Protein backbone atom coordinates (compact mmCIF):
# COMPACT_ATOMS: atom_id res chain seq x y z
CA UNK A 1 86.35 109.52 81.87
CA UNK A 2 85.03 105.95 82.14
CA UNK A 3 83.71 104.32 79.00
CA UNK A 4 80.59 103.12 80.81
CA UNK A 5 78.30 106.02 81.65
CA UNK A 6 76.98 104.20 84.75
CA UNK A 7 80.30 105.03 86.47
CA UNK A 8 81.17 108.41 87.99
CA UNK A 9 84.06 110.40 86.49
CA UNK A 10 86.44 109.31 89.27
CA UNK A 11 85.51 105.62 89.05
CA UNK A 12 88.03 102.89 89.57
CA UNK A 13 88.13 99.16 90.24
CA UNK A 14 86.24 99.60 93.52
CA UNK A 15 83.16 100.55 91.51
CA UNK A 16 83.30 97.24 89.68
CA UNK A 17 84.18 95.25 92.80
CA UNK A 18 81.24 96.59 94.79
CA UNK A 19 78.82 96.08 91.89
CA UNK A 20 79.74 92.37 91.78
CA UNK A 21 80.39 91.32 95.39
CA UNK A 22 79.89 87.61 94.73
CA UNK A 23 82.86 87.69 92.36
CA UNK A 24 85.08 90.37 93.81
CA UNK A 25 84.61 89.56 97.49
CA UNK A 26 86.73 86.50 96.71
CA UNK A 27 89.09 88.58 94.59
CA UNK A 28 89.82 91.03 97.42
CA UNK A 29 90.39 88.15 99.84
CA UNK A 30 92.86 86.64 97.36
CA UNK A 31 94.52 90.04 96.90
CA UNK A 32 94.96 90.38 100.66
CA UNK A 33 96.54 86.93 100.93
CA UNK A 34 98.77 87.43 97.90
CA UNK A 35 100.00 90.91 98.74
CA UNK A 36 100.08 90.91 102.56
CA UNK A 37 100.28 87.35 103.92
CA UNK A 38 103.61 85.56 104.43
CA UNK A 39 105.57 85.20 101.20
CA UNK A 40 109.15 84.91 99.94
CA UNK A 41 108.85 88.66 99.22
CA UNK A 42 108.16 91.59 101.50
CA UNK A 43 104.94 93.48 100.91
CA UNK A 44 106.99 96.29 99.37
CA UNK A 45 108.71 93.88 97.00
CA UNK A 46 105.34 92.47 95.92
CA UNK A 47 104.06 95.99 95.28
CA UNK A 48 107.25 96.67 93.28
CA UNK A 49 106.60 93.54 91.20
CA UNK A 50 102.98 94.65 90.74
CA UNK A 51 104.00 98.15 89.65
CA UNK A 52 106.68 96.75 87.35
CA UNK A 53 104.14 94.41 85.74
CA UNK A 54 101.65 97.15 84.93
CA UNK A 55 104.46 99.48 83.91
CA UNK A 56 105.59 96.91 81.35
CA UNK A 57 101.97 96.50 80.24
CA UNK A 58 101.44 100.27 79.92
CA UNK A 59 98.54 100.46 82.39
CA UNK A 60 98.96 103.96 83.76
CA UNK A 61 96.08 103.70 86.26
CA UNK A 62 97.55 100.65 88.03
CA UNK A 63 101.11 101.90 87.61
CA UNK A 64 100.40 105.14 89.47
CA UNK A 65 98.57 103.23 92.22
CA UNK A 66 101.04 100.39 92.74
CA UNK A 67 104.25 102.37 92.42
CA UNK A 68 102.86 104.65 95.16
CA UNK A 69 102.07 101.54 97.21
CA UNK A 70 105.61 100.20 96.71
CA UNK A 71 107.05 103.50 97.91
CA UNK A 72 104.67 103.48 100.91
CA UNK A 73 106.25 100.11 101.81
CA UNK A 74 109.72 101.69 101.74
CA UNK A 75 110.83 100.73 98.26
CA UNK A 76 113.16 103.50 97.10
CA UNK A 77 111.16 106.33 95.55
CA UNK A 78 111.55 106.24 91.76
CA UNK A 79 112.99 102.70 91.66
CA UNK A 80 110.18 101.27 89.55
CA UNK A 81 110.79 103.95 86.89
CA UNK A 82 114.48 103.01 86.90
CA UNK A 83 113.62 99.30 86.56
CA UNK A 84 111.43 100.04 83.57
CA UNK A 85 114.00 102.32 81.94
CA UNK A 86 116.88 99.84 82.17
CA UNK A 87 116.58 96.73 84.30
CA UNK A 88 120.25 95.80 83.84
CA UNK A 89 121.60 99.06 85.32
CA UNK A 90 118.82 99.69 87.87
CA UNK A 91 120.00 100.04 91.47
CA UNK A 92 118.54 96.79 92.79
CA UNK A 93 120.01 93.57 94.13
CA UNK A 94 121.17 91.54 91.13
CA UNK A 95 119.06 88.64 92.40
CA UNK A 96 115.93 90.55 91.32
CA UNK A 97 117.04 91.16 87.73
CA UNK A 98 116.30 87.68 86.30
CA UNK A 99 113.08 87.57 88.33
CA UNK A 100 111.89 90.88 86.88
CA UNK A 101 113.05 89.85 83.40
CA UNK A 102 110.82 86.78 83.84
CA UNK A 103 107.92 89.02 84.95
CA UNK A 104 108.50 91.30 81.95
CA UNK A 105 108.36 88.37 79.54
CA UNK A 106 105.35 86.82 81.30
CA UNK A 107 103.55 90.17 80.96
CA UNK A 108 104.53 91.22 77.45
CA UNK A 109 105.06 87.93 75.61
CA UNK A 110 103.78 85.08 77.79
CA UNK A 111 103.99 82.50 75.01
CA UNK A 112 107.74 83.10 74.85
CA UNK A 113 108.38 82.06 78.47
CA UNK A 114 110.75 79.10 78.35
CA UNK A 115 112.67 76.79 80.64
CA UNK A 116 115.69 79.08 80.36
CA UNK A 117 113.69 81.93 81.92
CA UNK A 118 112.71 79.78 84.88
CA UNK A 119 116.24 78.42 85.19
CA UNK A 120 117.66 81.97 85.31
CA UNK A 121 115.37 82.85 88.22
CA UNK A 122 116.31 79.69 90.10
CA UNK A 123 120.03 80.19 89.36
CA UNK A 124 119.80 83.69 90.88
CA UNK A 125 118.91 82.07 94.20
CA UNK A 126 115.13 82.14 94.22
CA UNK A 127 113.22 78.94 94.88
CA UNK A 128 110.14 77.62 93.10
CA UNK A 129 107.82 79.24 95.63
CA UNK A 130 109.31 82.67 94.96
CA UNK A 131 108.98 82.15 91.21
CA UNK A 132 105.35 81.17 91.65
CA UNK A 133 104.60 84.17 93.89
CA UNK A 134 106.13 86.51 91.31
CA UNK A 135 103.94 84.86 88.65
CA UNK A 136 100.86 85.15 90.90
CA UNK A 137 101.44 88.89 91.40
CA UNK A 138 102.05 89.30 87.68
CA UNK A 139 98.87 87.40 86.79
CA UNK A 140 96.81 89.44 89.25
CA UNK A 141 98.07 92.67 87.75
CA UNK A 142 97.49 91.50 84.17
CA UNK A 143 93.88 90.78 85.14
CA UNK A 144 93.57 94.23 86.71
CA UNK A 145 95.02 95.82 83.57
CA UNK A 146 92.26 94.25 81.48
CA UNK A 147 89.56 95.31 83.95
CA UNK A 148 90.87 98.89 84.04
CA UNK A 149 91.17 99.15 80.26
CA UNK A 150 87.69 97.67 79.73
CA UNK A 151 86.19 100.44 81.83
CA UNK A 152 88.46 103.29 80.71
CA UNK A 153 89.31 104.40 84.23
CA UNK A 154 91.28 107.63 84.43
CA UNK A 155 94.50 107.39 86.46
CA UNK A 156 94.40 109.05 89.84
CA UNK A 157 96.72 111.92 90.61
CA UNK A 158 100.02 111.09 92.32
CA UNK A 159 98.69 112.79 95.47
CA UNK A 160 95.57 110.62 95.57
CA UNK A 161 97.67 107.53 94.77
CA UNK A 162 99.95 108.32 97.72
CA UNK A 163 96.95 108.74 100.04
CA UNK A 164 95.41 105.47 98.87
CA UNK A 165 98.77 103.71 99.18
CA UNK A 166 98.84 104.77 102.82
CA UNK A 167 95.33 103.36 103.27
CA UNK A 168 96.37 100.11 101.56
CA UNK A 169 99.37 99.85 103.87
CA UNK A 170 97.25 100.55 106.94
CA UNK A 171 94.23 98.38 106.09
CA UNK A 172 95.53 95.83 103.59
CA UNK A 173 93.69 94.74 100.48
CA UNK A 174 90.92 92.85 102.25
CA UNK A 175 89.66 95.94 104.06
CA UNK A 176 89.90 98.43 101.22
CA UNK A 177 86.31 97.78 100.16
CA UNK A 178 84.11 97.52 103.27
CA UNK A 179 81.08 97.61 100.98
CA UNK A 180 81.90 94.05 99.91
CA UNK A 181 81.61 92.79 103.47
CA UNK A 182 78.26 94.57 103.83
CA UNK A 183 76.83 92.95 100.65
CA UNK A 184 77.80 89.37 101.54
């Protein structure tokens, strides 16, 4: 149940976004560009990075939503759980392991990020643009974690998350909240 009594029991970020269209109209446009526009990563890989970020952070609401979105974009079902349980033995291309280790550190202990972390990502074959995109996705999800925790949103069921992931895949981030376009 949300901490703020002005929200309904099933409230989520959309309730905040639509209440503040001057701020979150821009945020949804940025989310669309970050998660769906051309990038060094597929949309599914970006959703995997997003789900991994909030999984590391312990944000169940966003984890349920973004792991479902990753799976809707054909990331192997259950992979994000495996990444969180043991990144080193997870069934993913080894190229991703230093990138996700960087994301984990950037999420959990950002002041500990060092040149060696960046160098490991670059040595794995990623370029600076890929590193930056991973950091952008991570930063976006860390922001969302704080917004969700501030409001005390209750995680959606896996079934609702799967339905919304399908909507996100079909419409993208920019069209998830048509109310924002109406209030501009």
